[in-house]
PDB file of N, CA and C in Angstrom:
ATOM      1  N   MET A   1       0.853  -1.160   0.004  1.00  0.00           N
ATOM      2  CA  MET A   1       0.120   0.013   0.068  1.00  0.00           C
ATOM      3  C   MET A   1       0.832   1.261  -0.057  1.00  0.00           C
ATOM      4  N   SER A   2       0.438   2.248  -0.714  1.00  0.00           N
ATOM      5  CA  SER A   2       1.269   3.516  -0.695  1.00  0.00           C
ATOM      6  C   SER A   2       0.253   4.686  -0.721  1.00  0.00           C
ATOM      7  N   LEU A   3       0.768   5.913  -0.145  1.00  0.00           N
ATOM      8  CA  LEU A   3       0.018   7.016  -0.126  1.00  0.00           C
ATOM      9  C   LEU A   3       0.571   8.045  -1.134  1.00  0.00           C
ATOM     10  N   ASP A   4      -0.141   9.064  -1.455  1.00  0.00           N
ATOM     11  CA  ASP A   4       0.337  10.178  -2.177  1.00  0.00           C
ATOM     12  C   ASP A   4       0.567  11.333  -1.470  1.00  0.00           C
ATOM     13  N   TYR A   5       1.633  12.112  -1.528  1.00  0.00           N
ATOM     14  CA  TYR A   5       2.026  13.353  -0.952  1.00  0.00           C
ATOM     15  C   TYR A   5       2.078  14.321  -2.096  1.00  0.00           C
ATOM     16  N   LEU A   6       1.367  15.417  -2.232  1.00  0.00           N
ATOM     17  CA  LEU A   6       1.277  16.323  -3.256  1.00  0.00           C
ATOM     18  C   LEU A   6       2.233  17.494  -2.845  1.00  0.00           C
ATOM     19  N   LEU A   7       3.304  17.762  -3.647  1.00  0.00           N
ATOM     20  CA  LEU A   7       4.273  18.810  -3.403  1.00  0.00           C
ATOM     21  C   LEU A   7       3.569  20.105  -3.625  1.00  0.00           C
ATOM     22  N   PRO A   8       4.095  21.120  -2.928  1.00  0.00           N
ATOM     23  CA  PRO A   8       3.477  22.594  -3.121  1.00  0.00           C
ATOM     24  C   PRO A   8       3.758  23.163  -4.516  1.00  0.00           C
ATOM     25  N   GLU A   9       3.000  24.160  -4.870  1.00  0.00           N
ATOM     26  CA  GLU A   9       3.151  24.805  -6.075  1.00  0.00           C
ATOM     27  C   GLU A   9       4.573  25.394  -6.244  1.00  0.00           C
ATOM     28  N   SER A  10       5.089  25.972  -5.219  1.00  0.00           N
ATOM     29  CA  SER A  10       6.422  26.441  -5.267  1.00  0.00           C
ATOM     30  C   SER A  10       7.339  25.529  -4.548  1.00  0.00           C
ATOM     31  N   LEU A  11       8.437  25.142  -4.974  1.00  0.00           N
ATOM     32  CA  LEU A  11       9.364  24.268  -4.263  1.00  0.00           C
ATOM     33  C   LEU A  11      10.804  24.889  -4.388  1.00  0.00           C
ATOM     34  N   ASN A  12      11.109  25.668  -3.358  1.00  0.00           N
ATOM     35  CA  ASN A  12      12.279  26.411  -3.402  1.00  0.00           C
ATOM     36  C   ASN A  12      12.989  26.432  -2.080  1.00  0.00           C
ATOM     37  N   LYS A  13      14.156  27.299  -1.941  1.00  0.00           N
ATOM     38  CA  LYS A  13      14.854  27.311  -0.693  1.00  0.00           C
ATOM     39  C   LYS A  13      14.183  27.705   0.522  1.00  0.00           C
ATOM     40  N   SER A  14      12.919  28.366   0.238  1.00  0.00           N
ATOM     41  CA  SER A  14      12.155  28.885   1.452  1.00  0.00           C
ATOM     42  C   SER A  14      11.384  27.815   2.038  1.00  0.00           C
ATOM     43  N   ASN A  15      11.041  26.610   1.420  1.00  0.00           N
ATOM     44  CA  ASN A  15      10.302  25.696   1.885  1.00  0.00           C
ATOM     45  C   ASN A  15      10.717  24.285   1.825  1.00  0.00           C
ATOM     46  N   VAL A  16      11.874  24.053   1.173  1.00  0.00           N
ATOM     47  CA  VAL A  16      12.378  22.595   1.141  1.00  0.00           C
ATOM     48  C   VAL A  16      12.531  21.958   2.391  1.00  0.00           C
ATOM     49  N   ILE A  17      13.205  22.588   3.426  1.00  0.00           N
ATOM     50  CA  ILE A  17      13.342  21.909   4.699  1.00  0.00           C
ATOM     51  C   ILE A  17      12.051  21.524   5.371  1.00  0.00           C
ATOM     52  N   SER A  18      11.188  22.377   5.292  1.00  0.00           N
ATOM     53  CA  SER A  18       9.809  22.031   5.968  1.00  0.00           C
ATOM     54  C   SER A  18       9.134  20.857   5.178  1.00  0.00           C
ATOM     55  N   THR A  19       9.228  20.951   3.839  1.00  0.00           N
ATOM     56  CA  THR A  19       8.743  19.811   2.929  1.00  0.00           C
ATOM     57  C   THR A  19       9.365  18.549   3.293  1.00  0.00           C
ATOM     58  N   LEU A  20      10.592  18.455   3.371  1.00  0.00           N
ATOM     59  CA  LEU A  20      11.400  17.325   3.744  1.00  0.00           C
ATOM     60  C   LEU A  20      10.938  16.774   5.181  1.00  0.00           C
ATOM     61  N   LYS A  21      10.763  17.623   6.134  1.00  0.00           N
ATOM     62  CA  LYS A  21      10.405  17.107   7.496  1.00  0.00           C
ATOM     63  C   LYS A  21       8.976  16.628   7.371  1.00  0.00           C
ATOM     64  N   VAL A  22       8.071  17.112   6.701  1.00  0.00           N
ATOM     65  CA  VAL A  22       6.756  16.592   6.552  1.00  0.00           C
ATOM     66  C   VAL A  22       6.786  15.131   5.943  1.00  0.00           C
ATOM     67  N   ILE A  23       7.546  15.109   4.843  1.00  0.00           N
ATOM     68  CA  ILE A  23       7.716  13.831   4.190  1.00  0.00           C
ATOM     69  C   ILE A  23       8.290  12.834   5.120  1.00  0.00           C
ATOM     70  N   GLN A  24       9.414  13.083   5.828  1.00  0.00           N
ATOM     71  CA  GLN A  24       9.987  12.202   6.849  1.00  0.00           C
ATOM     72  C   GLN A  24       8.957  11.776   7.875  1.00  0.00           C
ATOM     73  N   GLN A  25       8.140  12.690   8.397  1.00  0.00           N
ATOM     74  CA  GLN A  25       7.069  12.508   9.385  1.00  0.00           C
ATOM     75  C   GLN A  25       6.072  11.354   8.863  1.00  0.00           C
ATOM     76  N   HIS A  26       5.694  11.581   7.657  1.00  0.00           N
ATOM     77  CA  HIS A  26       4.676  10.636   6.990  1.00  0.00           C
ATOM     78  C   HIS A  26       5.243   9.302   6.866  1.00  0.00           C
ATOM     79  N   ILE A  27       6.515   9.288   6.486  1.00  0.00           N
ATOM     80  CA  ILE A  27       7.175   7.877   6.348  1.00  0.00           C
ATOM     81  C   ILE A  27       7.237   7.201   7.823  1.00  0.00           C
ATOM     82  N   ALA A  28       7.842   8.023   8.755  1.00  0.00           N
ATOM     83  CA  ALA A  28       7.908   7.489  10.092  1.00  0.00           C
ATOM     84  C   ALA A  28       6.533   7.083  10.674  1.00  0.00           C
ATOM     85  N   LYS A  29       5.632   7.831  10.525  1.00  0.00           N
ATOM     86  CA  LYS A  29       4.297   7.634  11.133  1.00  0.00           C
ATOM     87  C   LYS A  29       3.460   6.543  10.478  1.00  0.00           C
ATOM     88  N   LEU A  30       3.500   6.553   9.094  1.00  0.00           N
ATOM     89  CA  LEU A  30       2.737   5.526   8.421  1.00  0.00           C
ATOM     90  C   LEU A  30       3.482   4.323   8.053  1.00  0.00           C
ATOM     91  N   ASN A  31       4.835   4.396   8.075  1.00  0.00           N
ATOM     92  CA  ASN A  31       5.617   3.099   7.869  1.00  0.00           C
ATOM     93  C   ASN A  31       5.306   2.364   6.702  1.00  0.00           C
ATOM     94  N   HIS A  32       5.029   3.051   5.497  1.00  0.00           N
ATOM     95  CA  HIS A  32       4.880   2.480   4.129  1.00  0.00           C
ATOM     96  C   HIS A  32       5.259   3.430   3.029  1.00  0.00           C
ATOM     97  N   LYS A  33       5.140   2.937   1.912  1.00  0.00           N
ATOM     98  CA  LYS A  33       5.607   3.733   0.716  1.00  0.00           C
ATOM     99  C   LYS A  33       4.719   5.010   0.533  1.00  0.00           C
ATOM    100  N   ILE A  34       5.473   6.030   0.099  1.00  0.00           N
ATOM    101  CA  ILE A  34       4.764   7.240  -0.331  1.00  0.00           C
ATOM    102  C   ILE A  34       5.117   7.766  -1.640  1.00  0.00           C
ATOM    103  N   ASN A  35       4.172   8.034  -2.531  1.00  0.00           N
ATOM    104  CA  ASN A  35       4.324   8.540  -3.727  1.00  0.00           C
ATOM    105  C   ASN A  35       4.358  10.059  -3.587  1.00  0.00           C
ATOM    106  N   ILE A  36       5.499  10.586  -4.125  1.00  0.00           N
ATOM    107  CA  ILE A  36       5.595  12.090  -4.126  1.00  0.00           C
ATOM    108  C   ILE A  36       5.157  12.612  -5.474  1.00  0.00           C
ATOM    109  N   ASP A  37       3.959  13.339  -5.384  1.00  0.00           N
ATOM    110  CA  ASP A  37       3.363  13.845  -6.552  1.00  0.00           C
ATOM    111  C   ASP A  37       3.898  15.236  -6.930  1.00  0.00           C
ATOM    112  N   GLY A  38       4.552  15.485  -8.040  1.00  0.00           N
ATOM    113  CA  GLY A  38       4.987  16.747  -8.451  1.00  0.00           C
ATOM    114  C   GLY A  38       4.268  17.457  -9.490  1.00  0.00           C
ATOM    115  N   SER A  39       3.003  17.087  -9.666  1.00  0.00           N
ATOM    116  CA  SER A  39       2.212  17.609 -10.840  1.00  0.00           C
ATOM    117  C   SER A  39       1.864  19.057 -10.498  1.00  0.00           C
ATOM    118  N   LYS A  40       1.766  19.613  -9.398  1.00  0.00           N
ATOM    119  CA  LYS A  40       1.293  20.940  -9.072  1.00  0.00           C
ATOM    120  C   LYS A  40       2.415  21.979  -8.867  1.00  0.00           C
ATOM    121  N   VAL A  41       3.752  21.384  -9.039  1.00  0.00           N
ATOM    122  CA  VAL A  41       4.864  22.288  -8.942  1.00  0.00           C
ATOM    123  C   VAL A  41       5.053  23.179 -10.208  1.00  0.00           C
ATOM    124  N   VAL A  42       4.907  24.487 -10.001  1.00  0.00           N
ATOM    125  CA  VAL A  42       5.019  25.461 -11.050  1.00  0.00           C
ATOM    126  C   VAL A  42       6.417  26.178 -10.934  1.00  0.00           C
ATOM    127  N   THR A  43       6.939  26.559  -9.817  1.00  0.00           N
ATOM    128  CA  THR A  43       8.213  27.213  -9.684  1.00  0.00           C
ATOM    129  C   THR A  43       9.074  26.155  -8.817  1.00  0.00           C
ATOM    130  N   ILE A  44      10.249  26.073  -9.223  1.00  0.00           N
ATOM    131  CA  ILE A  44      11.300  25.234  -8.516  1.00  0.00           C
ATOM    132  C   ILE A  44      12.600  25.787  -8.742  1.00  0.00           C
ATOM    133  N   ASP A  45      13.393  25.822  -7.778  1.00  0.00           N
ATOM    134  CA  ASP A  45      14.772  26.331  -7.902  1.00  0.00           C
ATOM    135  C   ASP A  45      15.657  25.024  -7.605  1.00  0.00           C
ATOM    136  N   SER A  46      16.978  25.447  -7.535  1.00  0.00           N
ATOM    137  CA  SER A  46      17.986  24.354  -7.399  1.00  0.00           C
ATOM    138  C   SER A  46      17.784  23.663  -6.045  1.00  0.00           C
ATOM    139  N   ALA A  47      17.412  24.334  -4.955  1.00  0.00           N
ATOM    140  CA  ALA A  47      17.122  23.618  -3.710  1.00  0.00           C
ATOM    141  C   ALA A  47      15.941  22.587  -3.794  1.00  0.00           C
ATOM    142  N   GLY A  48      14.939  22.922  -4.681  1.00  0.00           N
ATOM    143  CA  GLY A  48      13.838  22.131  -4.871  1.00  0.00           C
ATOM    144  C   GLY A  48      14.318  20.824  -5.677  1.00  0.00           C
ATOM    145  N   VAL A  49      15.135  21.113  -6.638  1.00  0.00           N
ATOM    146  CA  VAL A  49      15.690  19.957  -7.323  1.00  0.00           C
ATOM    147  C   VAL A  49      16.618  19.074  -6.481  1.00  0.00           C
ATOM    148  N   ALA A  50      17.291  19.763  -5.546  1.00  0.00           N
ATOM    149  CA  ALA A  50      18.196  19.139  -4.593  1.00  0.00           C
ATOM    150  C   ALA A  50      17.298  18.021  -3.793  1.00  0.00           C
ATOM    151  N   LEU A  51      16.216  18.604  -3.354  1.00  0.00           N
ATOM    152  CA  LEU A  51      15.377  17.846  -2.428  1.00  0.00           C
ATOM    153  C   LEU A  51      14.842  16.582  -3.075  1.00  0.00           C
ATOM    154  N   LEU A  52      14.396  16.788  -4.416  1.00  0.00           N
ATOM    155  CA  LEU A  52      13.838  15.643  -5.238  1.00  0.00           C
ATOM    156  C   LEU A  52      15.002  14.648  -5.467  1.00  0.00           C
ATOM    157  N   LEU A  53      16.282  15.116  -5.754  1.00  0.00           N
ATOM    158  CA  LEU A  53      17.382  14.220  -5.961  1.00  0.00           C
ATOM    159  C   LEU A  53      17.689  13.387  -4.636  1.00  0.00           C
ATOM    160  N   GLU A  54      17.595  14.081  -3.510  1.00  0.00           N
ATOM    161  CA  GLU A  54      17.773  13.421  -2.148  1.00  0.00           C
ATOM    162  C   GLU A  54      16.706  12.384  -2.058  1.00  0.00           C
ATOM    163  N   LEU A  55      15.465  12.701  -2.307  1.00  0.00           N
ATOM    164  CA  LEU A  55      14.370  11.748  -2.144  1.00  0.00           C
ATOM    165  C   LEU A  55      14.471  10.461  -3.165  1.00  0.00           C
ATOM    166  N   SER A  56      15.001  10.757  -4.350  1.00  0.00           N
ATOM    167  CA  SER A  56      15.086   9.725  -5.350  1.00  0.00           C
ATOM    168  C   SER A  56      16.371   8.862  -5.226  1.00  0.00           C
ATOM    169  N   THR A  57      17.421   9.286  -4.455  1.00  0.00           N
ATOM    170  CA  THR A  57      18.657   8.544  -4.417  1.00  0.00           C
ATOM    171  C   THR A  57      19.107   8.158  -3.195  1.00  0.00           C
ATOM    172  N   SER A  58      18.604   8.823  -2.064  1.00  0.00           N
ATOM    173  CA  SER A  58      19.185   8.481  -0.708  1.00  0.00           C
ATOM    174  C   SER A  58      18.755   7.088  -0.158  1.00  0.00           C
ATOM    175  N   ALA A  59      19.760   6.378   0.395  1.00  0.00           N
ATOM    176  CA  ALA A  59      19.398   5.173   0.891  1.00  0.00           C
ATOM    177  C   ALA A  59      18.424   5.138   2.056  1.00  0.00           C
ATOM    178  N   LYS A  60      18.200   6.255   2.785  1.00  0.00           N
ATOM    179  CA  LYS A  60      17.264   6.152   3.718  1.00  0.00           C
ATOM    180  C   LYS A  60      15.870   6.295   3.292  1.00  0.00           C
ATOM    181  N   PHE A  61      15.709   6.746   1.984  1.00  0.00           N
ATOM    182  CA  PHE A  61      14.445   6.718   1.410  1.00  0.00           C
ATOM    183  C   PHE A  61      14.210   5.535   0.397  1.00  0.00           C
ATOM    184  N   ASN A  62      15.199   4.847   0.115  1.00  0.00           N
ATOM    185  CA  ASN A  62      15.265   3.746  -0.705  1.00  0.00           C
ATOM    186  C   ASN A  62      13.957   2.731  -0.593  1.00  0.00           C
ATOM    187  N   ASN A  63      13.208   2.526  -1.593  1.00  0.00           N
ATOM    188  CA  ASN A  63      12.005   1.727  -1.680  1.00  0.00           C
ATOM    189  C   ASN A  63      10.880   2.333  -0.720  1.00  0.00           C
ATOM    190  N   LEU A  64      10.992   3.504  -0.210  1.00  0.00           N
ATOM    191  CA  LEU A  64       9.913   4.228   0.568  1.00  0.00           C
ATOM    192  C   LEU A  64       9.204   5.314  -0.241  1.00  0.00           C
ATOM    193  N   VAL A  65      10.111   5.910  -1.065  1.00  0.00           N
ATOM    194  CA  VAL A  65       9.561   7.071  -1.925  1.00  0.00           C
ATOM    195  C   VAL A  65       9.712   6.777  -3.430  1.00  0.00           C
ATOM    196  N   THR A  66       8.569   7.266  -4.018  1.00  0.00           N
ATOM    197  CA  THR A  66       8.562   7.185  -5.552  1.00  0.00           C
ATOM    198  C   THR A  66       8.092   8.557  -6.067  1.00  0.00           C
ATOM    199  N   LEU A  67       8.837   9.111  -6.958  1.00  0.00           N
ATOM    200  CA  LEU A  67       8.384  10.458  -7.566  1.00  0.00           C
ATOM    201  C   LEU A  67       7.559  10.090  -8.726  1.00  0.00           C
ATOM    202  N   ILE A  68       6.337  10.749  -8.678  1.00  0.00           N
ATOM    203  CA  ILE A  68       5.327  10.582  -9.801  1.00  0.00           C
ATOM    204  C   ILE A  68       4.909  11.933 -10.310  1.00  0.00           C
ATOM    205  N   ASN A  69       4.349  11.885 -11.376  1.00  0.00           N
ATOM    206  CA  ASN A  69       3.747  13.085 -12.027  1.00  0.00           C
ATOM    207  C   ASN A  69       4.636  14.357 -12.057  1.00  0.00           C
ATOM    208  N   LEU A  70       5.895  14.214 -12.428  1.00  0.00           N
ATOM    209  CA  LEU A  70       6.640  15.456 -12.358  1.00  0.00           C
ATOM    210  C   LEU A  70       6.180  16.488 -13.402  1.00  0.00           C
ATOM    211  N   SER A  71       6.010  17.706 -12.833  1.00  0.00           N
ATOM    212  CA  SER A  71       5.506  18.787 -13.805  1.00  0.00           C
ATOM    213  C   SER A  71       6.676  19.100 -14.881  1.00  0.00           C
ATOM    214  N   SER A  72       6.233  19.908 -15.755  1.00  0.00           N
ATOM    215  CA  SER A  72       7.109  20.372 -16.814  1.00  0.00           C
ATOM    216  C   SER A  72       8.222  21.288 -16.199  1.00  0.00           C
ATOM    217  N   SER A  73       7.902  22.108 -15.181  1.00  0.00           N
ATOM    218  CA  SER A  73       8.788  22.836 -14.558  1.00  0.00           C
ATOM    219  C   SER A  73       9.986  22.003 -13.924  1.00  0.00           C
ATOM    220  N   ILE A  74       9.682  21.003 -13.287  1.00  0.00           N
ATOM    221  CA  ILE A  74      10.548  20.118 -12.728  1.00  0.00           C
ATOM    222  C   ILE A  74      11.395  19.485 -13.760  1.00  0.00           C
ATOM    223  N   LYS A  75      10.819  19.061 -14.791  1.00  0.00           N
ATOM    224  CA  LYS A  75      11.471  18.351 -15.944  1.00  0.00           C
ATOM    225  C   LYS A  75      12.563  19.205 -16.687  1.00  0.00           C
ATOM    226  N   GLU A  76      11.955  20.508 -16.753  1.00  0.00           N
ATOM    227  CA  GLU A  76      12.810  21.434 -17.592  1.00  0.00           C
ATOM    228  C   GLU A  76      14.157  21.825 -16.765  1.00  0.00           C
ATOM    229  N   LEU A  77      13.881  22.038 -15.416  1.00  0.00           N
ATOM    230  CA  LEU A  77      15.034  22.348 -14.614  1.00  0.00           C
ATOM    231  C   LEU A  77      16.045  21.226 -14.486  1.00  0.00           C
ATOM    232  N   CYS A  78      15.508  20.096 -14.302  1.00  0.00           N
ATOM    233  CA  CYS A  78      16.269  18.819 -14.239  1.00  0.00           C
ATOM    234  C   CYS A  78      17.149  18.626 -15.574  1.00  0.00           C
ATOM    235  N   GLN A  79      16.469  18.915 -16.747  1.00  0.00           N
ATOM    236  CA  GLN A  79      17.064  18.785 -17.900  1.00  0.00           C
ATOM    237  C   GLN A  79      18.258  19.803 -18.107  1.00  0.00           C
ATOM    238  N   LEU A  80      17.973  21.011 -17.682  1.00  0.00           N
ATOM    239  CA  LEU A  80      19.058  22.075 -17.636  1.00  0.00           C
ATOM    240  C   LEU A  80      20.209  21.679 -16.769  1.00  0.00           C
ATOM    241  N   TYR A  81      20.050  20.995 -15.630  1.00  0.00           N
ATOM    242  CA  TYR A  81      21.112  20.636 -14.768  1.00  0.00           C
ATOM    243  C   TYR A  81      21.657  19.257 -15.128  1.00  0.00           C
ATOM    244  N   GLN A  82      21.054  18.529 -16.106  1.00  0.00           N
ATOM    245  CA  GLN A  82      21.332  17.178 -16.624  1.00  0.00           C
ATOM    246  C   GLN A  82      21.202  16.230 -15.346  1.00  0.00           C
ATOM    247  N   ILE A  83      20.044  16.256 -14.820  1.00  0.00           N
ATOM    248  CA  ILE A  83      19.790  15.319 -13.688  1.00  0.00           C
ATOM    249  C   ILE A  83      18.622  14.434 -14.126  1.00  0.00           C
ATOM    250  N   ASN A  84      18.854  13.220 -13.877  1.00  0.00           N
ATOM    251  CA  ASN A  84      17.671  12.274 -14.164  1.00  0.00           C
ATOM    252  C   ASN A  84      17.172  11.761 -12.777  1.00  0.00           C
ATOM    253  N   LEU A  85      15.744  12.072 -12.634  1.00  0.00           N
ATOM    254  CA  LEU A  85      15.195  11.686 -11.350  1.00  0.00           C
ATOM    255  C   LEU A  85      14.568  10.243 -11.575  1.00  0.00           C
TER     256      LEU A  85
END
């Protein structure tokens, strides 16, 4: 079983720490997979990309987090930085 967590419309240096903490709390509390839905993200900066990269590659999130529905904003910035999520 997995739940979806919808990322905020803006994912940037002002909210990545709080977003990460919420995701970590969901994982700890619910103890099962979480789908991170990026469909609503309109604005994203390098801190937001770093958060997504951490979620997709970190061993502590391995098999617990799946990134889904990445918005065009996320895809474009990742392409610019040559990052594959």
